[in-house]
All heavy atoms as atom14 arrays in JSON, in Angstrom:
{
  "sequence": "APGKQRELVAAIDKGGRIQYADSVKGRFTISRDNSKTTVYLQMNSLKP",
  "atom14_mask": [
    [1, 1, 1, 1, 1, 0, 0, 0, 0, 0, 0, 0, 0, 0],
    [1, 1, 1, 1, 1, 1, 1, 0, 0, 0, 0, 0, 0, 0],
    [1, 1, 1, 1, 0, 0, 0, 0, 0, 0, 0, 0, 0, 0],
    [1, 1, 1, 1, 1, 1, 1, 1, 1, 0, 0, 0, 0, 0],
    [1, 1, 1, 1, 1, 1, 1, 1, 1, 0, 0, 0, 0, 0],
    [1, 1, 1, 1, 1, 1, 1, 1, 1, 1, 1, 0, 0, 0],
    [1, 1, 1, 1, 1, 1, 1, 1, 1, 0, 0, 0, 0, 0],
    [1, 1, 1, 1, 1, 1, 1, 1, 0, 0, 0, 0, 0, 0],
    [1, 1, 1, 1, 1, 1, 1, 0, 0, 0, 0, 0, 0, 0],
    [1, 1, 1, 1, 1, 0, 0, 0, 0, 0, 0, 0, 0, 0],
    [1, 1, 1, 1, 1, 0, 0, 0, 0, 0, 0, 0, 0, 0],
    [1, 1, 1, 1, 1, 1, 1, 1, 0, 0, 0, 0, 0, 0],
    [1, 1, 1, 1, 1, 1, 1, 1, 0, 0, 0, 0, 0, 0],
    [1, 1, 1, 1, 1, 1, 1, 1, 1, 0, 0, 0, 0, 0],
    [1, 1, 1, 1, 0, 0, 0, 0, 0, 0, 0, 0, 0, 0],
    [1, 1, 1, 1, 0, 0, 0, 0, 0, 0, 0, 0, 0, 0],
    [1, 1, 1, 1, 1, 1, 1, 1, 1, 1, 1, 0, 0, 0],
    [1, 1, 1, 1, 1, 1, 1, 1, 0, 0, 0, 0, 0, 0],
    [1, 1, 1, 1, 1, 1, 1, 1, 1, 0, 0, 0, 0, 0],
    [1, 1, 1, 1, 1, 1, 1, 1, 1, 1, 1, 1, 0, 0],
    [1, 1, 1, 1, 1, 0, 0, 0, 0, 0, 0, 0, 0, 0],
    [1, 1, 1, 1, 1, 1, 1, 1, 0, 0, 0, 0, 0, 0],
    [1, 1, 1, 1, 1, 1, 0, 0, 0, 0, 0, 0, 0, 0],
    [1, 1, 1, 1, 1, 1, 1, 0, 0, 0, 0, 0, 0, 0],
    [1, 1, 1, 1, 1, 1, 1, 1, 1, 0, 0, 0, 0, 0],
    [1, 1, 1, 1, 0, 0, 0, 0, 0, 0, 0, 0, 0, 0],
    [1, 1, 1, 1, 1, 1, 1, 1, 1, 1, 1, 0, 0, 0],
    [1, 1, 1, 1, 1, 1, 1, 1, 1, 1, 1, 0, 0, 0],
    [1, 1, 1, 1, 1, 1, 1, 0, 0, 0, 0, 0, 0, 0],
    [1, 1, 1, 1, 1, 1, 1, 1, 0, 0, 0, 0, 0, 0],
    [1, 1, 1, 1, 1, 1, 0, 0, 0, 0, 0, 0, 0, 0],
    [1, 1, 1, 1, 1, 1, 1, 1, 1, 1, 1, 0, 0, 0],
    [1, 1, 1, 1, 1, 1, 1, 1, 0, 0, 0, 0, 0, 0],
    [1, 1, 1, 1, 1, 1, 1, 1, 0, 0, 0, 0, 0, 0],
    [1, 1, 1, 1, 1, 1, 0, 0, 0, 0, 0, 0, 0, 0],
    [1, 1, 1, 1, 1, 1, 1, 1, 1, 0, 0, 0, 0, 0],
    [1, 1, 1, 1, 1, 1, 1, 0, 0, 0, 0, 0, 0, 0],
    [1, 1, 1, 1, 1, 1, 1, 0, 0, 0, 0, 0, 0, 0],
    [1, 1, 1, 1, 1, 1, 1, 0, 0, 0, 0, 0, 0, 0],
    [1, 1, 1, 1, 1, 1, 1, 1, 1, 1, 1, 1, 0, 0],
    [1, 1, 1, 1, 1, 1, 1, 1, 0, 0, 0, 0, 0, 0],
    [1, 1, 1, 1, 1, 1, 1, 1, 1, 0, 0, 0, 0, 0],
    [1, 1, 1, 1, 1, 1, 1, 1, 0, 0, 0, 0, 0, 0],
    [1, 1, 1, 1, 1, 1, 1, 1, 0, 0, 0, 0, 0, 0],
    [1, 1, 1, 1, 1, 1, 0, 0, 0, 0, 0, 0, 0, 0],
    [1, 1, 1, 1, 1, 1, 1, 1, 0, 0, 0, 0, 0, 0],
    [1, 1, 1, 1, 1, 1, 1, 1, 1, 0, 0, 0, 0, 0],
    [1, 1, 1, 1, 1, 1, 1, 0, 0, 0, 0, 0, 0, 0]
  ],
  "atom14_positions": [
    [[118.18, 100.57, 81.14], [119.34, 99.72, 80.79], [119.65, 99.87, 79.36], [118.95, 100.18, 78.49], [118.89, 98.26, 81.1], [0.0, 0.0, 0.0], [0.0, 0.0, 0.0], [0.0, 0.0, 0.0], [0.0, 0.0, 0.0], [0.0, 0.0, 0.0], [0.0, 0.0, 0.0], [0.0, 0.0, 0.0], [0.0, 0.0, 0.0], [0.0, 0.0, 0.0]],
    [[120.95, 99.3, 79.01], [121.44, 99.53, 77.59], [120.43, 98.69, 76.67], [120.05, 97.59, 76.9], [122.83, 98.77, 77.65], [123.3, 99.0, 79.03], [122.08, 99.0, 79.83], [0.0, 0.0, 0.0], [0.0, 0.0, 0.0], [0.0, 0.0, 0.0], [0.0, 0.0, 0.0], [0.0, 0.0, 0.0], [0.0, 0.0, 0.0], [0.0, 0.0, 0.0]],
    [[120.09, 99.48, 75.6], [119.12, 98.85, 74.63], [117.76, 98.74, 75.02], [116.93, 98.16, 74.26], [0.0, 0.0, 0.0], [0.0, 0.0, 0.0], [0.0, 0.0, 0.0], [0.0, 0.0, 0.0], [0.0, 0.0, 0.0], [0.0, 0.0, 0.0], [0.0, 0.0, 0.0], [0.0, 0.0, 0.0], [0.0, 0.0, 0.0], [0.0, 0.0, 0.0]],
    [[117.39, 99.29, 76.15], [116.07, 99.24, 76.56], [115.33, 100.51, 76.82], [116.08, 101.53, 76.96], [115.81, 98.36, 77.95], [116.37, 96.98, 77.77], [115.9, 96.18, 79.11], [116.27, 94.75, 78.78], [115.87, 93.85, 80.1], [0.0, 0.0, 0.0], [0.0, 0.0, 0.0], [0.0, 0.0, 0.0], [0.0, 0.0, 0.0], [0.0, 0.0, 0.0]],
    [[113.95, 100.61, 76.94], [113.4, 101.91, 77.15], [113.43, 102.28, 78.57], [113.59, 101.42, 79.5], [111.87, 101.7, 76.77], [111.71, 101.78, 75.16], [110.28, 101.83, 74.87], [109.38, 101.43, 75.55], [109.93, 102.57, 73.73], [0.0, 0.0, 0.0], [0.0, 0.0, 0.0], [0.0, 0.0, 0.0], [0.0, 0.0, 0.0], [0.0, 0.0, 0.0]],
    [[113.34, 103.56, 78.82], [113.35, 104.0, 80.2], [112.01, 103.47, 80.91], [110.94, 103.63, 80.35], [113.36, 105.54, 80.3], [113.66, 106.08, 81.64], [113.93, 107.61, 81.57], [115.04, 107.92, 80.88], [115.78, 109.2, 80.91], [115.16, 110.13, 81.44], [116.91, 109.37, 80.24], [0.0, 0.0, 0.0], [0.0, 0.0, 0.0], [0.0, 0.0, 0.0]],
    [[112.05, 103.04, 82.14], [110.94, 102.49, 82.76], [110.78, 103.1, 84.12], [111.84, 103.37, 84.87], [111.02, 101.08, 82.89], [112.15, 100.45, 83.77], [112.14, 98.98, 83.83], [111.21, 98.31, 83.29], [113.05, 98.45, 84.45], [0.0, 0.0, 0.0], [0.0, 0.0, 0.0], [0.0, 0.0, 0.0], [0.0, 0.0, 0.0], [0.0, 0.0, 0.0]],
    [[109.69, 103.21, 84.61], [109.38, 103.65, 86.06], [109.77, 102.53, 86.95], [109.52, 101.35, 86.86], [107.88, 103.95, 86.21], [107.56, 104.35, 87.64], [107.97, 105.65, 88.05], [105.92, 104.38, 87.77], [0.0, 0.0, 0.0], [0.0, 0.0, 0.0], [0.0, 0.0, 0.0], [0.0, 0.0, 0.0], [0.0, 0.0, 0.0], [0.0, 0.0, 0.0]],
    [[110.54, 103.05, 87.91], [110.88, 102.09, 89.14], [110.0, 102.36, 90.29], [109.37, 101.41, 90.83], [112.37, 102.34, 89.63], [112.81, 101.36, 90.8], [113.26, 102.07, 88.37], [0.0, 0.0, 0.0], [0.0, 0.0, 0.0], [0.0, 0.0, 0.0], [0.0, 0.0, 0.0], [0.0, 0.0, 0.0], [0.0, 0.0, 0.0], [0.0, 0.0, 0.0]],
    [[109.84, 103.52, 90.8], [109.07, 103.99, 91.82], [108.64, 105.35, 91.9], [109.54, 106.14, 91.36], [109.78, 103.53, 93.17], [0.0, 0.0, 0.0], [0.0, 0.0, 0.0], [0.0, 0.0, 0.0], [0.0, 0.0, 0.0], [0.0, 0.0, 0.0], [0.0, 0.0, 0.0], [0.0, 0.0, 0.0], [0.0, 0.0, 0.0], [0.0, 0.0, 0.0]],
    [[107.52, 105.69, 92.44], [107.11, 107.13, 92.46], [106.31, 107.43, 93.68], [105.6, 106.44, 94.24], [106.33, 107.59, 91.2], [0.0, 0.0, 0.0], [0.0, 0.0, 0.0], [0.0, 0.0, 0.0], [0.0, 0.0, 0.0], [0.0, 0.0, 0.0], [0.0, 0.0, 0.0], [0.0, 0.0, 0.0], [0.0, 0.0, 0.0], [0.0, 0.0, 0.0]],
    [[106.43, 108.49, 94.25], [105.67, 108.96, 95.44], [105.17, 110.41, 95.27], [105.96, 111.24, 94.89], [106.56, 108.88, 96.75], [105.84, 109.23, 97.97], [107.95, 109.74, 96.62], [106.59, 108.96, 99.21], [0.0, 0.0, 0.0], [0.0, 0.0, 0.0], [0.0, 0.0, 0.0], [0.0, 0.0, 0.0], [0.0, 0.0, 0.0], [0.0, 0.0, 0.0]],
    [[103.96, 110.64, 95.59], [103.3, 111.93, 95.34], [103.33, 112.69, 96.71], [103.73, 112.05, 97.67], [101.91, 112.0, 94.73], [100.9, 111.47, 95.6], [101.1, 111.22, 96.86], [99.8, 111.12, 95.11], [0.0, 0.0, 0.0], [0.0, 0.0, 0.0], [0.0, 0.0, 0.0], [0.0, 0.0, 0.0], [0.0, 0.0, 0.0], [0.0, 0.0, 0.0]],
    [[102.89, 114.01, 96.72], [103.02, 114.85, 98.07], [102.13, 114.21, 99.01], [102.2, 114.61, 100.26], [102.99, 116.17, 97.64], [101.64, 116.62, 97.26], [101.64, 118.07, 96.89], [100.36, 118.66, 96.22], [100.5, 120.16, 95.85], [0.0, 0.0, 0.0], [0.0, 0.0, 0.0], [0.0, 0.0, 0.0], [0.0, 0.0, 0.0], [0.0, 0.0, 0.0]],
    [[101.14, 113.42, 98.69], [100.18, 112.89, 99.59], [100.69, 111.54, 100.19], [100.08, 111.08, 101.17], [0.0, 0.0, 0.0], [0.0, 0.0, 0.0], [0.0, 0.0, 0.0], [0.0, 0.0, 0.0], [0.0, 0.0, 0.0], [0.0, 0.0, 0.0], [0.0, 0.0, 0.0], [0.0, 0.0, 0.0], [0.0, 0.0, 0.0], [0.0, 0.0, 0.0]],
    [[101.82, 111.21, 99.79], [102.35, 109.93, 100.22], [101.98, 108.67, 99.36], [102.33, 107.47, 99.77], [0.0, 0.0, 0.0], [0.0, 0.0, 0.0], [0.0, 0.0, 0.0], [0.0, 0.0, 0.0], [0.0, 0.0, 0.0], [0.0, 0.0, 0.0], [0.0, 0.0, 0.0], [0.0, 0.0, 0.0], [0.0, 0.0, 0.0], [0.0, 0.0, 0.0]],
    [[101.3, 108.69, 98.44], [100.73, 107.62, 97.48], [102.06, 107.21, 96.7], [102.77, 107.96, 96.1], [99.73, 107.9, 96.66], [98.36, 108.14, 97.53], [97.24, 108.49, 96.46], [97.44, 109.82, 95.94], [96.86, 110.87, 96.38], [96.17, 110.88, 97.74], [97.09, 112.14, 95.89], [0.0, 0.0, 0.0], [0.0, 0.0, 0.0], [0.0, 0.0, 0.0]],
    [[102.25, 105.81, 96.83], [103.35, 105.22, 96.2], [103.04, 104.12, 95.24], [102.11, 103.48, 95.33], [104.35, 104.62, 97.33], [104.94, 105.57, 98.25], [105.42, 103.75, 96.64], [105.63, 105.09, 99.44], [0.0, 0.0, 0.0], [0.0, 0.0, 0.0], [0.0, 0.0, 0.0], [0.0, 0.0, 0.0], [0.0, 0.0, 0.0], [0.0, 0.0, 0.0]],
    [[103.85, 104.08, 94.14], [103.77, 103.04, 93.2], [105.15, 102.37, 92.8], [106.1, 103.19, 92.83], [102.91, 103.51, 91.94], [103.64, 104.54, 91.15], [102.88, 104.97, 89.85], [102.68, 106.04, 89.56], [102.82, 103.97, 88.93], [0.0, 0.0, 0.0], [0.0, 0.0, 0.0], [0.0, 0.0, 0.0], [0.0, 0.0, 0.0], [0.0, 0.0, 0.0]],
    [[105.07, 101.23, 92.63], [106.34, 100.43, 92.42], [106.13, 99.68, 91.1], [105.12, 99.05, 90.88], [106.8, 99.53, 93.51], [107.22, 100.17, 94.73], [106.32, 100.11, 95.86], [108.36, 100.72, 94.85], [106.77, 100.67, 97.09], [108.87, 101.28, 96.06], [108.01, 101.24, 97.21], [108.44, 101.85, 98.35], [0.0, 0.0, 0.0], [0.0, 0.0, 0.0]],
    [[107.24, 99.51, 90.29], [107.28, 98.51, 89.28], [107.13, 97.16, 89.88], [107.7, 96.82, 90.93], [108.58, 98.66, 88.45], [0.0, 0.0, 0.0], [0.0, 0.0, 0.0], [0.0, 0.0, 0.0], [0.0, 0.0, 0.0], [0.0, 0.0, 0.0], [0.0, 0.0, 0.0], [0.0, 0.0, 0.0], [0.0, 0.0, 0.0], [0.0, 0.0, 0.0]],
    [[106.57, 96.19, 89.23], [106.33, 94.86, 89.82], [107.75, 94.34, 90.09], [107.82, 93.32, 90.96], [105.55, 93.94, 88.88], [104.14, 94.32, 88.73], [103.61, 94.97, 89.8], [103.34, 93.91, 87.8], [0.0, 0.0, 0.0], [0.0, 0.0, 0.0], [0.0, 0.0, 0.0], [0.0, 0.0, 0.0], [0.0, 0.0, 0.0], [0.0, 0.0, 0.0]],
    [[108.62, 94.51, 89.23], [109.99, 93.84, 89.34], [110.67, 94.21, 90.64], [111.77, 93.61, 90.93], [110.86, 94.15, 88.07], [111.0, 95.57, 88.0], [0.0, 0.0, 0.0], [0.0, 0.0, 0.0], [0.0, 0.0, 0.0], [0.0, 0.0, 0.0], [0.0, 0.0, 0.0], [0.0, 0.0, 0.0], [0.0, 0.0, 0.0], [0.0, 0.0, 0.0]],
    [[110.39, 95.27, 91.2], [111.13, 95.83, 92.44], [110.42, 95.76, 93.67], [110.84, 95.96, 94.75], [111.66, 97.19, 92.16], [112.45, 97.33, 90.93], [110.47, 98.25, 92.3], [0.0, 0.0, 0.0], [0.0, 0.0, 0.0], [0.0, 0.0, 0.0], [0.0, 0.0, 0.0], [0.0, 0.0, 0.0], [0.0, 0.0, 0.0], [0.0, 0.0, 0.0]],
    [[109.14, 95.44, 93.57], [108.22, 95.3, 94.88], [108.86, 94.27, 95.84], [109.17, 93.26, 95.5], [106.84, 94.87, 94.32], [105.94, 95.93, 93.75], [104.65, 95.4, 93.48], [103.63, 96.57, 92.72], [102.39, 96.05, 92.33], [0.0, 0.0, 0.0], [0.0, 0.0, 0.0], [0.0, 0.0, 0.0], [0.0, 0.0, 0.0], [0.0, 0.0, 0.0]],
    [[108.83, 94.84, 97.11], [109.43, 93.89, 98.15], [110.97, 94.04, 98.31], [111.57, 93.6, 99.31], [0.0, 0.0, 0.0], [0.0, 0.0, 0.0], [0.0, 0.0, 0.0], [0.0, 0.0, 0.0], [0.0, 0.0, 0.0], [0.0, 0.0, 0.0], [0.0, 0.0, 0.0], [0.0, 0.0, 0.0], [0.0, 0.0, 0.0], [0.0, 0.0, 0.0]],
    [[111.54, 94.71, 97.36], [113.0, 94.87, 97.4], [113.38, 96.38, 97.51], [114.45, 96.68, 98.2], [113.68, 94.31, 96.13], [113.33, 92.76, 96.08], [114.42, 92.18, 94.95], [113.96, 92.83, 93.58], [114.83, 93.43, 92.83], [116.21, 93.61, 93.12], [114.51, 94.03, 91.64], [0.0, 0.0, 0.0], [0.0, 0.0, 0.0], [0.0, 0.0, 0.0]],
    [[112.71, 97.24, 96.94], [113.06, 98.64, 96.86], [112.03, 99.33, 97.68], [110.75, 99.0, 97.7], [113.09, 99.22, 95.38], [114.07, 98.63, 94.54], [114.94, 97.59, 94.88], [114.37, 99.39, 93.25], [115.95, 97.2, 94.13], [115.31, 98.78, 92.35], [116.15, 97.89, 92.77], [0.0, 0.0, 0.0], [0.0, 0.0, 0.0], [0.0, 0.0, 0.0]],
    [[112.42, 100.6, 98.21], [111.59, 101.31, 98.97], [111.83, 102.85, 98.68], [112.98, 103.32, 98.78], [111.77, 101.21, 100.54], [111.55, 99.75, 100.91], [110.86, 102.06, 101.33], [0.0, 0.0, 0.0], [0.0, 0.0, 0.0], [0.0, 0.0, 0.0], [0.0, 0.0, 0.0], [0.0, 0.0, 0.0], [0.0, 0.0, 0.0], [0.0, 0.0, 0.0]],
    [[110.85, 103.63, 98.24], [110.92, 104.91, 97.98], [110.38, 105.78, 99.2], [109.45, 105.39, 99.85], [110.19, 105.32, 96.69], [110.48, 106.76, 96.32], [108.7, 105.12, 96.92], [110.07, 106.96, 94.85], [0.0, 0.0, 0.0], [0.0, 0.0, 0.0], [0.0, 0.0, 0.0], [0.0, 0.0, 0.0], [0.0, 0.0, 0.0], [0.0, 0.0, 0.0]],
    [[111.08, 106.86, 99.43], [110.61, 107.67, 100.57], [110.96, 109.23, 100.22], [111.78, 109.46, 99.23], [111.26, 107.25, 101.81], [112.77, 107.5, 101.8], [0.0, 0.0, 0.0], [0.0, 0.0, 0.0], [0.0, 0.0, 0.0], [0.0, 0.0, 0.0], [0.0, 0.0, 0.0], [0.0, 0.0, 0.0], [0.0, 0.0, 0.0], [0.0, 0.0, 0.0]],
    [[110.42, 110.05, 100.97], [110.63, 111.46, 100.63], [110.65, 112.3, 101.99], [110.01, 111.79, 102.9], [109.23, 111.92, 99.86], [109.39, 113.3, 99.06], [108.23, 113.35, 98.12], [108.08, 114.63, 97.56], [107.25, 114.97, 96.64], [106.36, 114.17, 96.2], [107.08, 116.18, 96.27], [0.0, 0.0, 0.0], [0.0, 0.0, 0.0], [0.0, 0.0, 0.0]],
    [[111.5, 113.22, 102.08], [111.75, 113.98, 103.33], [110.54, 114.85, 103.6], [109.69, 115.09, 102.74], [113.03, 114.71, 103.33], [113.0, 115.84, 102.41], [112.26, 115.86, 101.52], [113.88, 116.72, 102.7], [0.0, 0.0, 0.0], [0.0, 0.0, 0.0], [0.0, 0.0, 0.0], [0.0, 0.0, 0.0], [0.0, 0.0, 0.0], [0.0, 0.0, 0.0]],
    [[110.58, 115.48, 104.84], [109.31, 116.23, 105.25], [109.2, 117.45, 104.37], [108.09, 117.9, 104.22], [109.51, 116.67, 106.75], [109.26, 115.35, 107.5], [108.62, 114.48, 107.25], [109.84, 115.53, 108.8], [0.0, 0.0, 0.0], [0.0, 0.0, 0.0], [0.0, 0.0, 0.0], [0.0, 0.0, 0.0], [0.0, 0.0, 0.0], [0.0, 0.0, 0.0]],
    [[110.25, 118.05, 103.78], [110.29, 119.27, 103.03], [109.63, 118.81, 101.65], [109.36, 119.71, 100.89], [111.45, 119.77, 102.88], [112.45, 119.1, 102.1], [0.0, 0.0, 0.0], [0.0, 0.0, 0.0], [0.0, 0.0, 0.0], [0.0, 0.0, 0.0], [0.0, 0.0, 0.0], [0.0, 0.0, 0.0], [0.0, 0.0, 0.0], [0.0, 0.0, 0.0]],
    [[109.68, 117.49, 101.39], [109.08, 116.97, 100.0], [110.01, 117.51, 98.9], [109.64, 117.51, 97.6], [107.65, 117.34, 99.89], [106.81, 117.1, 101.11], [105.65, 116.2, 100.69], [104.6, 115.91, 101.73], [105.15, 115.74, 102.94], [0.0, 0.0, 0.0], [0.0, 0.0, 0.0], [0.0, 0.0, 0.0], [0.0, 0.0, 0.0], [0.0, 0.0, 0.0]],
    [[111.25, 117.78, 99.15], [112.2, 118.18, 98.1], [113.31, 117.24, 97.86], [114.16, 117.48, 96.99], [112.72, 119.52, 98.34], [113.41, 119.58, 99.6], [111.66, 120.62, 98.45], [0.0, 0.0, 0.0], [0.0, 0.0, 0.0], [0.0, 0.0, 0.0], [0.0, 0.0, 0.0], [0.0, 0.0, 0.0], [0.0, 0.0, 0.0], [0.0, 0.0, 0.0]],
    [[113.35, 116.19, 98.7], [114.4, 115.15, 98.53], [113.7, 113.88, 98.58], [112.88, 113.48, 99.34], [115.41, 115.14, 99.57], [116.04, 116.4, 99.58], [116.52, 114.08, 99.41], [0.0, 0.0, 0.0], [0.0, 0.0, 0.0], [0.0, 0.0, 0.0], [0.0, 0.0, 0.0], [0.0, 0.0, 0.0], [0.0, 0.0, 0.0], [0.0, 0.0, 0.0]],
    [[114.14, 112.97, 97.56], [113.51, 111.57, 97.46], [114.61, 110.59, 97.47], [115.75, 110.85, 97.13], [112.69, 111.39, 96.23], [113.57, 111.59, 94.96], [111.84, 110.23, 96.19], [0.0, 0.0, 0.0], [0.0, 0.0, 0.0], [0.0, 0.0, 0.0], [0.0, 0.0, 0.0], [0.0, 0.0, 0.0], [0.0, 0.0, 0.0], [0.0, 0.0, 0.0]],
    [[114.4, 109.46, 98.15], [115.31, 108.43, 98.32], [114.85, 107.17, 97.72], [113.56, 106.9, 97.53], [115.58, 108.12, 99.86], [116.02, 109.44, 100.54], [115.04, 110.17, 101.13], [117.35, 109.88, 100.54], [115.35, 111.32, 101.95], [117.63, 111.06, 101.35], [116.67, 111.66, 101.92], [117.11, 112.87, 102.68], [0.0, 0.0, 0.0], [0.0, 0.0, 0.0]],
    [[115.75, 106.38, 97.34], [115.4, 104.94, 96.93], [116.32, 103.98, 97.52], [117.51, 103.88, 97.2], [115.53, 104.9, 95.44], [114.98, 103.5, 94.79], [113.44, 103.34, 95.01], [115.25, 103.43, 93.32], [0.0, 0.0, 0.0], [0.0, 0.0, 0.0], [0.0, 0.0, 0.0], [0.0, 0.0, 0.0], [0.0, 0.0, 0.0], [0.0, 0.0, 0.0]],
    [[115.82, 103.21, 98.41], [116.68, 102.18, 99.12], [116.33, 100.81, 98.48], [115.26, 100.42, 98.12], [116.02, 101.96, 100.56], [116.78, 100.83, 101.35], [118.21, 101.18, 101.58], [118.53, 102.27, 101.84], [119.1, 100.16, 101.34], [0.0, 0.0, 0.0], [0.0, 0.0, 0.0], [0.0, 0.0, 0.0], [0.0, 0.0, 0.0], [0.0, 0.0, 0.0]],
    [[117.5, 100.3, 97.86], [117.35, 99.21, 96.98], [118.16, 98.02, 97.7], [119.32, 98.08, 98.05], [118.16, 99.47, 95.58], [117.6, 100.69, 94.9], [118.16, 100.92, 93.34], [119.91, 101.39, 93.69], [0.0, 0.0, 0.0], [0.0, 0.0, 0.0], [0.0, 0.0, 0.0], [0.0, 0.0, 0.0], [0.0, 0.0, 0.0], [0.0, 0.0, 0.0]],
    [[117.47, 97.07, 97.94], [117.92, 95.83, 98.76], [117.75, 94.64, 97.8], [117.06, 94.54, 96.74], [117.17, 95.64, 99.97], [117.36, 96.66, 100.99], [118.35, 97.3, 101.06], [116.21, 96.81, 101.84], [0.0, 0.0, 0.0], [0.0, 0.0, 0.0], [0.0, 0.0, 0.0], [0.0, 0.0, 0.0], [0.0, 0.0, 0.0], [0.0, 0.0, 0.0]],
    [[118.53, 93.55, 98.1], [118.57, 92.35, 97.43], [118.64, 92.59, 95.85], [117.93, 92.06, 95.07], [117.16, 91.6, 97.61], [116.98, 91.28, 99.01], [0.0, 0.0, 0.0], [0.0, 0.0, 0.0], [0.0, 0.0, 0.0], [0.0, 0.0, 0.0], [0.0, 0.0, 0.0], [0.0, 0.0, 0.0], [0.0, 0.0, 0.0], [0.0, 0.0, 0.0]],
    [[119.69, 93.33, 95.55], [119.86, 93.76, 94.17], [120.31, 92.53, 93.29], [120.85, 91.62, 93.76], [120.9, 94.86, 94.02], [120.46, 96.28, 94.45], [121.66, 97.05, 94.83], [119.59, 96.83, 93.35], [0.0, 0.0, 0.0], [0.0, 0.0, 0.0], [0.0, 0.0, 0.0], [0.0, 0.0, 0.0], [0.0, 0.0, 0.0], [0.0, 0.0, 0.0]],
    [[119.73, 92.67, 92.09], [119.97, 91.57, 91.05], [120.68, 92.15, 89.91], [120.65, 93.32, 89.53], [118.69, 91.02, 90.54], [117.71, 90.56, 91.77], [116.42, 90.03, 91.0], [115.44, 89.54, 92.28], [114.23, 89.13, 91.7], [0.0, 0.0, 0.0], [0.0, 0.0, 0.0], [0.0, 0.0, 0.0], [0.0, 0.0, 0.0], [0.0, 0.0, 0.0]],
    [[121.42, 91.31, 89.21], [122.24, 91.93, 87.88], [121.2, 92.5, 87.03], [121.67, 93.49, 86.3], [122.72, 90.45, 87.23], [122.89, 89.81, 88.39], [121.81, 89.93, 89.35], [0.0, 0.0, 0.0], [0.0, 0.0, 0.0], [0.0, 0.0, 0.0], [0.0, 0.0, 0.0], [0.0, 0.0, 0.0], [0.0, 0.0, 0.0], [0.0, 0.0, 0.0]]
  ]
}
């Protein structure tokens, strides 16, 4: 965000282990396709 440092939102490794920032838990979902070369971030209940 403007004036702020870059921060991790979510990550997924090739074994399927996932981590989320506390601020997005329960609202965002990260996923990866079977080829493991495309990653998605579904963002729900978005806030300003």
